[in-house]
Amino acid sequence: MEFGVYTDGFDVTFDEDELPDSDDEQDQKTQQEVASNTANNLIQKQRQDIYEDLLRHSSNGKLKRSNTTLIATKYGVHVRTVQRVWQRAKKCKAQGIPIDV
């Protein structure tokens, strides 16, 4: 099926088969977003390992800023991820419940 566009001095014809299918592009974006989110989610073992490293580097429950950077680099995650693991552990400890990072 052909569609035509007519303007002053131009006659452009589009073949419907050549037009990109936006549904396929949307499906592709969704799959990429899911893969990206999956890659960013740590498994329990990784969070536990990060927490244990944080404990080893802590002094009286305090961390130096460089420690979170070093651990983030070691595990290939963002510094903020390491900070969230530490915050979760501190929150559990403050509430008197077993630490679950």
PDB file of N, CA and C in Angstrom:
ATOM      1  N   MET A   1       0.847  -1.160   0.000  1.00  0.00           N
ATOM      2  CA  MET A   1       0.000   0.000   0.000  1.00  0.00           C
ATOM      3  C   MET A   1       0.898   1.231   0.000  1.00  0.00           C
ATOM      4  N   GLU A   2       0.576   2.183  -0.823  1.00  0.00           N
ATOM      5  CA  GLU A   2       1.376   3.400  -0.917  1.00  0.00           C
ATOM      6  C   GLU A   2       0.567   4.590  -0.463  1.00  0.00           C
ATOM      7  N   PHE A   3       1.277   5.529   0.176  1.00  0.00           N
ATOM      8  CA  PHE A   3       0.671   6.773   0.604  1.00  0.00           C
ATOM      9  C   PHE A   3       1.399   7.899  -0.103  1.00  0.00           C
ATOM     10  N   GLY A   4       0.694   8.906  -0.503  1.00  0.00           N
ATOM     11  CA  GLY A   4       1.326  10.031  -1.176  1.00  0.00           C
ATOM     12  C   GLY A   4       1.149  11.316  -0.392  1.00  0.00           C
ATOM     13  N   VAL A   5       2.145  12.163  -0.497  1.00  0.00           N
ATOM     14  CA  VAL A   5       2.094  13.489   0.109  1.00  0.00           C
ATOM     15  C   VAL A   5       2.317  14.481  -1.018  1.00  0.00           C
ATOM     16  N   TYR A   6       1.403  15.398  -1.157  1.00  0.00           N
ATOM     17  CA  TYR A   6       1.499  16.355  -2.259  1.00  0.00           C
ATOM     18  C   TYR A   6       1.608  17.765  -1.689  1.00  0.00           C
ATOM     19  N   THR A   7       2.622  18.470  -2.113  1.00  0.00           N
ATOM     20  CA  THR A   7       2.791  19.878  -1.754  1.00  0.00           C
ATOM     21  C   THR A   7       3.180  20.625  -3.011  1.00  0.00           C
ATOM     22  N   ASP A   8       3.369  21.890  -2.893  1.00  0.00           N
ATOM     23  CA  ASP A   8       3.761  22.693  -4.044  1.00  0.00           C
ATOM     24  C   ASP A   8       5.106  22.239  -4.576  1.00  0.00           C
ATOM     25  N   GLY A   9       5.129  21.621  -5.706  1.00  0.00           N
ATOM     26  CA  GLY A   9       6.368  21.254  -6.370  1.00  0.00           C
ATOM     27  C   GLY A   9       6.971  19.932  -5.917  1.00  0.00           C
ATOM     28  N   PHE A  10       6.391  19.272  -4.913  1.00  0.00           N
ATOM     29  CA  PHE A  10       6.949  18.004  -4.441  1.00  0.00           C
ATOM     30  C   PHE A  10       5.890  16.923  -4.488  1.00  0.00           C
ATOM     31  N   ASP A  11       6.299  15.762  -4.842  1.00  0.00           N
ATOM     32  CA  ASP A  11       5.421  14.603  -4.832  1.00  0.00           C
ATOM     33  C   ASP A  11       6.217  13.477  -4.162  1.00  0.00           C
ATOM     34  N   VAL A  12       5.956  13.234  -2.884  1.00  0.00           N
ATOM     35  CA  VAL A  12       6.702  12.227  -2.115  1.00  0.00           C
ATOM     36  C   VAL A  12       5.771  11.055  -1.850  1.00  0.00           C
ATOM     37  N   THR A  13       6.255   9.866  -2.131  1.00  0.00           N
ATOM     38  CA  THR A  13       5.471   8.656  -1.911  1.00  0.00           C
ATOM     39  C   THR A  13       6.195   7.790  -0.887  1.00  0.00           C
ATOM     40  N   PHE A  14       5.453   7.329   0.111  1.00  0.00           N
ATOM     41  CA  PHE A  14       6.019   6.455   1.152  1.00  0.00           C
ATOM     42  C   PHE A  14       5.454   5.062   0.967  1.00  0.00           C
ATOM     43  N   ASP A  15       6.307   4.086   1.052  1.00  0.00           N
ATOM     44  CA  ASP A  15       5.881   2.693   1.025  1.00  0.00           C
ATOM     45  C   ASP A  15       5.642   2.282   2.472  1.00  0.00           C
ATOM     46  N   GLU A  16       4.473   1.776   2.775  1.00  0.00           N
ATOM     47  CA  GLU A  16       4.114   1.446   4.149  1.00  0.00           C
ATOM     48  C   GLU A  16       5.081   0.440   4.762  1.00  0.00           C
ATOM     49  N   ASP A  17       5.625  -0.488   3.990  1.00  0.00           N
ATOM     50  CA  ASP A  17       6.533  -1.503   4.507  1.00  0.00           C
ATOM     51  C   ASP A  17       7.854  -0.898   5.001  1.00  0.00           C
ATOM     52  N   GLU A  18       8.213   0.274   4.533  1.00  0.00           N
ATOM     53  CA  GLU A  18       9.475   0.879   4.915  1.00  0.00           C
ATOM     54  C   GLU A  18       9.385   1.701   6.196  1.00  0.00           C
ATOM     55  N   LEU A  19       8.181   1.983   6.664  1.00  0.00           N
ATOM     56  CA  LEU A  19       8.025   2.772   7.871  1.00  0.00           C
ATOM     57  C   LEU A  19       8.367   1.915   9.097  1.00  0.00           C
ATOM     58  N   PRO A  20       9.121   2.490  10.061  1.00  0.00           N
ATOM     59  CA  PRO A  20       9.472   1.709  11.257  1.00  0.00           C
ATOM     60  C   PRO A  20       8.239   1.404  12.080  1.00  0.00           C
ATOM     61  N   ASP A  21       8.243   0.253  12.697  1.00  0.00           N
ATOM     62  CA  ASP A  21       7.138  -0.164  13.547  1.00  0.00           C
ATOM     63  C   ASP A  21       7.434   0.281  14.972  1.00  0.00           C
ATOM     64  N   SER A  22       6.705   1.278  15.445  1.00  0.00           N
ATOM     65  CA  SER A  22       6.984   1.846  16.771  1.00  0.00           C
ATOM     66  C   SER A  22       6.729   0.838  17.884  1.00  0.00           C
ATOM     67  N   ASP A  23       5.845  -0.146  17.673  1.00  0.00           N
ATOM     68  CA  ASP A  23       5.594  -1.153  18.703  1.00  0.00           C
ATOM     69  C   ASP A  23       6.851  -1.964  18.983  1.00  0.00           C
ATOM     70  N   ASP A  24       7.587  -2.332  17.946  1.00  0.00           N
ATOM     71  CA  ASP A  24       8.817  -3.095  18.130  1.00  0.00           C
ATOM     72  C   ASP A  24       9.849  -2.289  18.897  1.00  0.00           C
ATOM     73  N   GLU A  25       9.945  -0.993  18.605  1.00  0.00           N
ATOM     74  CA  GLU A  25      10.897  -0.132  19.304  1.00  0.00           C
ATOM     75  C   GLU A  25      10.535  -0.025  20.776  1.00  0.00           C
ATOM     76  N   GLN A  26       9.242   0.070  21.083  1.00  0.00           N
ATOM     77  CA  GLN A  26       8.806   0.175  22.471  1.00  0.00           C
ATOM     78  C   GLN A  26       9.113  -1.116  23.219  1.00  0.00           C
ATOM     79  N   ASP A  27       8.867  -2.273  22.599  1.00  0.00           N
ATOM     80  CA  ASP A  27       9.187  -3.555  23.222  1.00  0.00           C
ATOM     81  C   ASP A  27      10.677  -3.651  23.505  1.00  0.00           C
ATOM     82  N   GLN A  28      11.486  -3.180  22.580  1.00  0.00           N
ATOM     83  CA  GLN A  28      12.930  -3.231  22.730  1.00  0.00           C
ATOM     84  C   GLN A  28      13.375  -2.356  23.906  1.00  0.00           C
ATOM     85  N   LYS A  29      12.811  -1.170  24.055  1.00  0.00           N
ATOM     86  CA  LYS A  29      13.142  -0.292  25.173  1.00  0.00           C
ATOM     87  C   LYS A  29      12.776  -0.953  26.489  1.00  0.00           C
ATOM     88  N   THR A  30      11.599  -1.552  26.553  1.00  0.00           N
ATOM     89  CA  THR A  30      11.148  -2.203  27.779  1.00  0.00           C
ATOM     90  C   THR A  30      12.093  -3.323  28.170  1.00  0.00           C
ATOM     91  N   GLN A  31      12.524  -4.122  27.226  1.00  0.00           N
ATOM     92  CA  GLN A  31      13.454  -5.216  27.509  1.00  0.00           C
ATOM     93  C   GLN A  31      14.786  -4.679  28.004  1.00  0.00           C
ATOM     94  N   GLN A  32      15.256  -3.581  27.450  1.00  0.00           N
ATOM     95  CA  GLN A  32      16.513  -2.983  27.882  1.00  0.00           C
ATOM     96  C   GLN A  32      16.382  -2.437  29.304  1.00  0.00           C
ATOM     97  N   GLU A  33      15.248  -1.812  29.619  1.00  0.00           N
ATOM     98  CA  GLU A  33      15.035  -1.274  30.959  1.00  0.00           C
ATOM     99  C   GLU A  33      15.013  -2.394  31.985  1.00  0.00           C
ATOM    100  N   VAL A  34      14.362  -3.507  31.677  1.00  0.00           N
ATOM    101  CA  VAL A  34      14.304  -4.646  32.589  1.00  0.00           C
ATOM    102  C   VAL A  34      15.703  -5.199  32.810  1.00  0.00           C
ATOM    103  N   ALA A  35      16.472  -5.354  31.739  1.00  0.00           N
ATOM    104  CA  ALA A  35      17.838  -5.866  31.862  1.00  0.00           C
ATOM    105  C   ALA A  35      18.687  -4.927  32.693  1.00  0.00           C
ATOM    106  N   SER A  36      18.514  -3.634  32.509  1.00  0.00           N
ATOM    107  CA  SER A  36      19.277  -2.648  33.268  1.00  0.00           C
ATOM    108  C   SER A  36      18.925  -2.726  34.747  1.00  0.00           C
ATOM    109  N   ASN A  37      17.648  -2.804  35.075  1.00  0.00           N
ATOM    110  CA  ASN A  37      17.231  -2.893  36.472  1.00  0.00           C
ATOM    111  C   ASN A  37      17.703  -4.181  37.112  1.00  0.00           C
ATOM    112  N   THR A  38      17.670  -5.273  36.386  1.00  0.00           N
ATOM    113  CA  THR A  38      18.122  -6.546  36.902  1.00  0.00           C
ATOM    114  C   THR A  38      19.602  -6.496  37.214  1.00  0.00           C
ATOM    115  N   ALA A  39      20.368  -5.858  36.357  1.00  0.00           N
ATOM    116  CA  ALA A  39      21.803  -5.761  36.572  1.00  0.00           C
ATOM    117  C   ALA A  39      22.127  -4.926  37.804  1.00  0.00           C
ATOM    118  N   ASN A  40      21.267  -3.973  38.141  1.00  0.00           N
ATOM    119  CA  ASN A  40      21.521  -3.100  39.270  1.00  0.00           C
ATOM    120  C   ASN A  40      21.098  -3.696  40.608  1.00  0.00           C
ATOM    121  N   ASN A  41      20.283  -4.720  40.599  1.00  0.00           N
ATOM    122  CA  ASN A  41      19.832  -5.336  41.838  1.00  0.00           C
ATOM    123  C   ASN A  41      20.864  -6.325  42.341  1.00  0.00           C
ATOM    124  N   LEU A  42      21.283  -6.136  43.594  1.00  0.00           N
ATOM    125  CA  LEU A  42      22.253  -7.040  44.199  1.00  0.00           C
ATOM    126  C   LEU A  42      21.535  -8.237  44.790  1.00  0.00           C
ATOM    127  N   ILE A  43      22.183  -9.371  44.741  1.00  0.00           N
ATOM    128  CA  ILE A  43      21.622 -10.537  45.408  1.00  0.00           C
ATOM    129  C   ILE A  43      21.993 -10.461  46.889  1.00  0.00           C
ATOM    130  N   GLN A  44      21.293 -11.215  47.702  1.00  0.00           N
ATOM    131  CA  GLN A  44      21.491 -11.183  49.150  1.00  0.00           C
ATOM    132  C   GLN A  44      22.955 -11.436  49.526  1.00  0.00           C
ATOM    133  N   LYS A  45      23.598 -12.372  48.868  1.00  0.00           N
ATOM    134  CA  LYS A  45      24.999 -12.704  49.178  1.00  0.00           C
ATOM    135  C   LYS A  45      25.903 -11.490  48.930  1.00  0.00           C
ATOM    136  N   GLN A  46      25.668 -10.764  47.856  1.00  0.00           N
ATOM    137  CA  GLN A  46      26.487  -9.582  47.561  1.00  0.00           C
ATOM    138  C   GLN A  46      26.291  -8.509  48.628  1.00  0.00           C
ATOM    139  N   ARG A  47      25.041  -8.282  49.027  1.00  0.00           N
ATOM    140  CA  ARG A  47      24.782  -7.287  50.072  1.00  0.00           C
ATOM    141  C   ARG A  47      25.435  -7.704  51.390  1.00  0.00           C
ATOM    142  N   GLN A  48      25.371  -8.992  51.694  1.00  0.00           N
ATOM    143  CA  GLN A  48      25.974  -9.497  52.921  1.00  0.00           C
ATOM    144  C   GLN A  48      27.493  -9.321  52.878  1.00  0.00           C
ATOM    145  N   ASP A  49      28.103  -9.620  51.736  1.00  0.00           N
ATOM    146  CA  ASP A  49      29.554  -9.448  51.587  1.00  0.00           C
ATOM    147  C   ASP A  49      29.952  -7.983  51.734  1.00  0.00           C
ATOM    148  N   ILE A  50      29.177  -7.093  51.144  1.00  0.00           N
ATOM    149  CA  ILE A  50      29.446  -5.662  51.252  1.00  0.00           C
ATOM    150  C   ILE A  50      29.347  -5.234  52.717  1.00  0.00           C
ATOM    151  N   TYR A  51      28.316  -5.704  53.409  1.00  0.00           N
ATOM    152  CA  TYR A  51      28.130  -5.352  54.811  1.00  0.00           C
ATOM    153  C   TYR A  51      29.303  -5.855  55.655  1.00  0.00           C
ATOM    154  N   GLU A  52      29.746  -7.078  55.419  1.00  0.00           N
ATOM    155  CA  GLU A  52      30.873  -7.621  56.181  1.00  0.00           C
ATOM    156  C   GLU A  52      32.146  -6.816  55.934  1.00  0.00           C
ATOM    157  N   ASP A  53      32.364  -6.397  54.688  1.00  0.00           N
ATOM    158  CA  ASP A  53      33.515  -5.537  54.395  1.00  0.00           C
ATOM    159  C   ASP A  53      33.388  -4.191  55.106  1.00  0.00           C
ATOM    160  N   LEU A  54      32.192  -3.652  55.127  1.00  0.00           N
ATOM    161  CA  LEU A  54      31.971  -2.387  55.830  1.00  0.00           C
ATOM    162  C   LEU A  54      32.277  -2.536  57.318  1.00  0.00           C
ATOM    163  N   LEU A  55      31.854  -3.643  57.900  1.00  0.00           N
ATOM    164  CA  LEU A  55      32.139  -3.886  59.315  1.00  0.00           C
ATOM    165  C   LEU A  55      33.641  -3.951  59.576  1.00  0.00           C
ATOM    166  N   ARG A  56      34.369  -4.626  58.698  1.00  0.00           N
ATOM    167  CA  ARG A  56      35.821  -4.744  58.855  1.00  0.00           C
ATOM    168  C   ARG A  56      36.507  -3.385  58.786  1.00  0.00           C
ATOM    169  N   HIS A  57      35.961  -2.490  57.993  1.00  0.00           N
ATOM    170  CA  HIS A  57      36.561  -1.175  57.814  1.00  0.00           C
ATOM    171  C   HIS A  57      36.051  -0.143  58.825  1.00  0.00           C
ATOM    172  N   SER A  58      35.023  -0.509  59.582  1.00  0.00           N
ATOM    173  CA  SER A  58      34.453   0.465  60.506  1.00  0.00           C
ATOM    174  C   SER A  58      35.243   0.509  61.814  1.00  0.00           C
ATOM    175  N   SER A  59      35.117   1.636  62.475  1.00  0.00           N
ATOM    176  CA  SER A  59      35.740   1.827  63.778  1.00  0.00           C
ATOM    177  C   SER A  59      34.677   2.401  64.698  1.00  0.00           C
ATOM    178  N   ASN A  60      34.260   1.592  65.683  1.00  0.00           N
ATOM    179  CA  ASN A  60      33.179   2.002  66.597  1.00  0.00           C
ATOM    180  C   ASN A  60      31.911   2.386  65.832  1.00  0.00           C
ATOM    181  N   GLY A  61      31.592   1.644  64.788  1.00  0.00           N
ATOM    182  CA  GLY A  61      30.378   1.884  64.021  1.00  0.00           C
ATOM    183  C   GLY A  61      30.463   3.059  63.061  1.00  0.00           C
ATOM    184  N   LYS A  62      31.651   3.595  62.870  1.00  0.00           N
ATOM    185  CA  LYS A  62      31.841   4.741  61.969  1.00  0.00           C
ATOM    186  C   LYS A  62      32.696   4.329  60.784  1.00  0.00           C
ATOM    187  N   LEU A  63      32.390   4.911  59.642  1.00  0.00           N
ATOM    188  CA  LEU A  63      33.148   4.662  58.420  1.00  0.00           C
ATOM    189  C   LEU A  63      33.779   5.948  57.928  1.00  0.00           C
ATOM    190  N   LYS A  64      34.941   5.810  57.343  1.00  0.00           N
ATOM    191  CA  LYS A  64      35.525   6.945  56.638  1.00  0.00           C
ATOM    192  C   LYS A  64      34.916   6.976  55.246  1.00  0.00           C
ATOM    193  N   ARG A  65      34.843   8.159  54.684  1.00  0.00           N
ATOM    194  CA  ARG A  65      34.256   8.312  53.355  1.00  0.00           C
ATOM    195  C   ARG A  65      34.997   7.443  52.326  1.00  0.00           C
ATOM    196  N   SER A  66      36.297   7.360  52.450  1.00  0.00           N
ATOM    197  CA  SER A  66      37.080   6.591  51.474  1.00  0.00           C
ATOM    198  C   SER A  66      36.761   5.103  51.535  1.00  0.00           C
ATOM    199  N   ASN A  67      36.310   4.624  52.691  1.00  0.00           N
ATOM    200  CA  ASN A  67      35.995   3.197  52.811  1.00  0.00           C
ATOM    201  C   ASN A  67      34.833   2.799  51.914  1.00  0.00           C
ATOM    202  N   THR A  68      33.806   3.627  51.860  1.00  0.00           N
ATOM    203  CA  THR A  68      32.660   3.284  51.012  1.00  0.00           C
ATOM    204  C   THR A  68      33.065   3.304  49.539  1.00  0.00           C
ATOM    205  N   THR A  69      33.944   4.242  49.191  1.00  0.00           N
ATOM    206  CA  THR A  69      34.422   4.315  47.803  1.00  0.00           C
ATOM    207  C   THR A  69      35.227   3.078  47.445  1.00  0.00           C
ATOM    208  N   LEU A  70      36.105   2.653  48.339  1.00  0.00           N
ATOM    209  CA  LEU A  70      36.928   1.460  48.087  1.00  0.00           C
ATOM    210  C   LEU A  70      36.060   0.209  47.930  1.00  0.00           C
ATOM    211  N   ILE A  71      35.076   0.069  48.801  1.00  0.00           N
ATOM    212  CA  ILE A  71      34.210  -1.117  48.749  1.00  0.00           C
ATOM    213  C   ILE A  71      33.325  -1.081  47.501  1.00  0.00           C
ATOM    214  N   ALA A  72      32.838   0.092  47.140  1.00  0.00           N
ATOM    215  CA  ALA A  72      32.031   0.213  45.924  1.00  0.00           C
ATOM    216  C   ALA A  72      32.843  -0.195  44.709  1.00  0.00           C
ATOM    217  N   THR A  73      34.097   0.227  44.659  1.00  0.00           N
ATOM    218  CA  THR A  73      34.972  -0.140  43.550  1.00  0.00           C
ATOM    219  C   THR A  73      35.223  -1.644  43.543  1.00  0.00           C
ATOM    220  N   LYS A  74      35.448  -2.204  44.711  1.00  0.00           N
ATOM    221  CA  LYS A  74      35.713  -3.649  44.823  1.00  0.00           C
ATOM    222  C   LYS A  74      34.565  -4.484  44.255  1.00  0.00           C
ATOM    223  N   TYR A  75      33.337  -4.068  44.537  1.00  0.00           N
ATOM    224  CA  TYR A  75      32.165  -4.833  44.101  1.00  0.00           C
ATOM    225  C   TYR A  75      31.558  -4.334  42.793  1.00  0.00           C
ATOM    226  N   GLY A  76      32.110  -3.260  42.253  1.00  0.00           N
ATOM    227  CA  GLY A  76      31.613  -2.746  40.975  1.00  0.00           C
ATOM    228  C   GLY A  76      30.233  -2.144  41.075  1.00  0.00           C
ATOM    229  N   VAL A  77      29.944  -1.486  42.197  1.00  0.00           N
ATOM    230  CA  VAL A  77      28.647  -0.844  42.391  1.00  0.00           C
ATOM    231  C   VAL A  77      28.865   0.632  42.693  1.00  0.00           C
ATOM    232  N   HIS A  78      27.801   1.386  42.690  1.00  0.00           N
ATOM    233  CA  HIS A  78      27.872   2.816  42.989  1.00  0.00           C
ATOM    234  C   HIS A  78      28.070   3.010  44.496  1.00  0.00           C
ATOM    235  N   VAL A  79      28.744   4.072  44.865  1.00  0.00           N
ATOM    236  CA  VAL A  79      28.984   4.381  46.278  1.00  0.00           C
ATOM    237  C   VAL A  79      27.665   4.459  47.036  1.00  0.00           C
ATOM    238  N   ARG A  80      26.657   5.014  46.404  1.00  0.00           N
ATOM    239  CA  ARG A  80      25.347   5.144  47.049  1.00  0.00           C
ATOM    240  C   ARG A  80      24.758   3.778  47.401  1.00  0.00           C
ATOM    241  N   THR A  81      25.027   2.771  46.613  1.00  0.00           N
ATOM    242  CA  THR A  81      24.546   1.421  46.906  1.00  0.00           C
ATOM    243  C   THR A  81      25.165   0.916  48.203  1.00  0.00           C
ATOM    244  N   VAL A  82      26.467   1.127  48.356  1.00  0.00           N
ATOM    245  CA  VAL A  82      27.174   0.716  49.573  1.00  0.00           C
ATOM    246  C   VAL A  82      26.612   1.484  50.773  1.00  0.00           C
ATOM    247  N   GLN A  83      26.358   2.757  50.597  1.00  0.00           N
ATOM    248  CA  GLN A  83      25.799   3.569  51.683  1.00  0.00           C
ATOM    249  C   GLN A  83      24.420   3.071  52.104  1.00  0.00           C
ATOM    250  N   ARG A  84      23.614   2.645  51.133  1.00  0.00           N
ATOM    251  CA  ARG A  84      22.281   2.123  51.459  1.00  0.00           C
ATOM    252  C   ARG A  84      22.379   0.830  52.263  1.00  0.00           C
ATOM    253  N   VAL A  85      23.325  -0.033  51.912  1.00  0.00           N
ATOM    254  CA  VAL A  85      23.518  -1.276  52.668  1.00  0.00           C
ATOM    255  C   VAL A  85      23.861  -0.930  54.118  1.00  0.00           C
ATOM    256  N   TRP A  86      24.761   0.023  54.309  1.00  0.00           N
ATOM    257  CA  TRP A  86      25.177   0.438  55.652  1.00  0.00           C
ATOM    258  C   TRP A  86      23.995   1.054  56.419  1.00  0.00           C
ATOM    259  N   GLN A  87      23.205   1.872  55.755  1.00  0.00           N
ATOM    260  CA  GLN A  87      22.047   2.498  56.402  1.00  0.00           C
ATOM    261  C   GLN A  87      21.016   1.456  56.826  1.00  0.00           C
ATOM    262  N   ARG A  88      20.779   0.463  55.989  1.00  0.00           N
ATOM    263  CA  ARG A  88      19.826  -0.598  56.336  1.00  0.00           C
ATOM    264  C   ARG A  88      20.285  -1.340  57.582  1.00  0.00           C
ATOM    265  N   ALA A  89      21.579  -1.627  57.641  1.00  0.00           N
ATOM    266  CA  ALA A  89      22.124  -2.340  58.794  1.00  0.00           C
ATOM    267  C   ALA A  89      21.991  -1.492  60.058  1.00  0.00           C
ATOM    268  N   LYS A  90      22.285  -0.206  59.956  1.00  0.00           N
ATOM    269  CA  LYS A  90      22.181   0.681  61.111  1.00  0.00           C
ATOM    270  C   LYS A  90      20.733   0.795  61.583  1.00  0.00           C
ATOM    271  N   LYS A  91      19.808   0.823  60.641  1.00  0.00           N
ATOM    272  CA  LYS A  91      18.388   0.926  60.984  1.00  0.00           C
ATOM    273  C   LYS A  91      17.934  -0.331  61.738  1.00  0.00           C
ATOM    274  N   CYS A  92      18.344  -1.493  61.255  1.00  0.00           N
ATOM    275  CA  CYS A  92      17.995  -2.745  61.933  1.00  0.00           C
ATOM    276  C   CYS A  92      18.568  -2.758  63.349  1.00  0.00           C
ATOM    277  N   LYS A  93      19.822  -2.361  63.467  1.00  0.00           N
ATOM    278  CA  LYS A  93      20.486  -2.353  64.770  1.00  0.00           C
ATOM    279  C   LYS A  93      19.768  -1.405  65.731  1.00  0.00           C
ATOM    280  N   ALA A  94      19.374  -0.226  65.244  1.00  0.00           N
ATOM    281  CA  ALA A  94      18.682   0.761  66.078  1.00  0.00           C
ATOM    282  C   ALA A  94      17.329   0.245  66.560  1.00  0.00           C
ATOM    283  N   GLN A  95      16.693  -0.576  65.734  1.00  0.00           N
ATOM    284  CA  GLN A  95      15.387  -1.116  66.094  1.00  0.00           C
ATOM    285  C   GLN A  95      15.506  -2.382  66.943  1.00  0.00           C
ATOM    286  N   GLY A  96      16.733  -2.859  67.102  1.00  0.00           N
ATOM    287  CA  GLY A  96      16.955  -4.049  67.917  1.00  0.00           C
ATOM    288  C   GLY A  96      16.519  -5.343  67.241  1.00  0.00           C
ATOM    289  N   ILE A  97      16.479  -5.329  65.917  1.00  0.00           N
ATOM    290  CA  ILE A  97      16.105  -6.545  65.189  1.00  0.00           C
ATOM    291  C   ILE A  97      17.340  -7.098  64.491  1.00  0.00           C
ATOM    292  N   PRO A  98      17.320  -8.378  64.121  1.00  0.00           N
ATOM    293  CA  PRO A  98      18.469  -8.951  63.413  1.00  0.00           C
ATOM    294  C   PRO A  98      18.769  -8.156  62.135  1.00  0.00           C
ATOM    295  N   ILE A  99      20.042  -7.999  61.872  1.00  0.00           N
ATOM    296  CA  ILE A  99      20.452  -7.212  60.712  1.00  0.00           C
ATOM    297  C   ILE A  99      20.176  -7.971  59.429  1.00  0.00           C
ATOM    298  N   ASP A 100      19.388  -7.331  58.575  1.00  0.00           N
ATOM    299  CA  ASP A 100      19.022  -7.905  57.291  1.00  0.00           C
ATOM    300  C   ASP A 100      19.265  -6.827  56.233  1.00  0.00           C
ATOM    301  N   VAL A 101      20.363  -6.962  55.514  1.00  0.00           N
ATOM    302  CA  VAL A 101      20.699  -5.958  54.514  1.00  0.00           C
ATOM    303  C   VAL A 101      20.116  -6.359  53.185  1.00  0.00           C
TER     304      VAL A 101
END
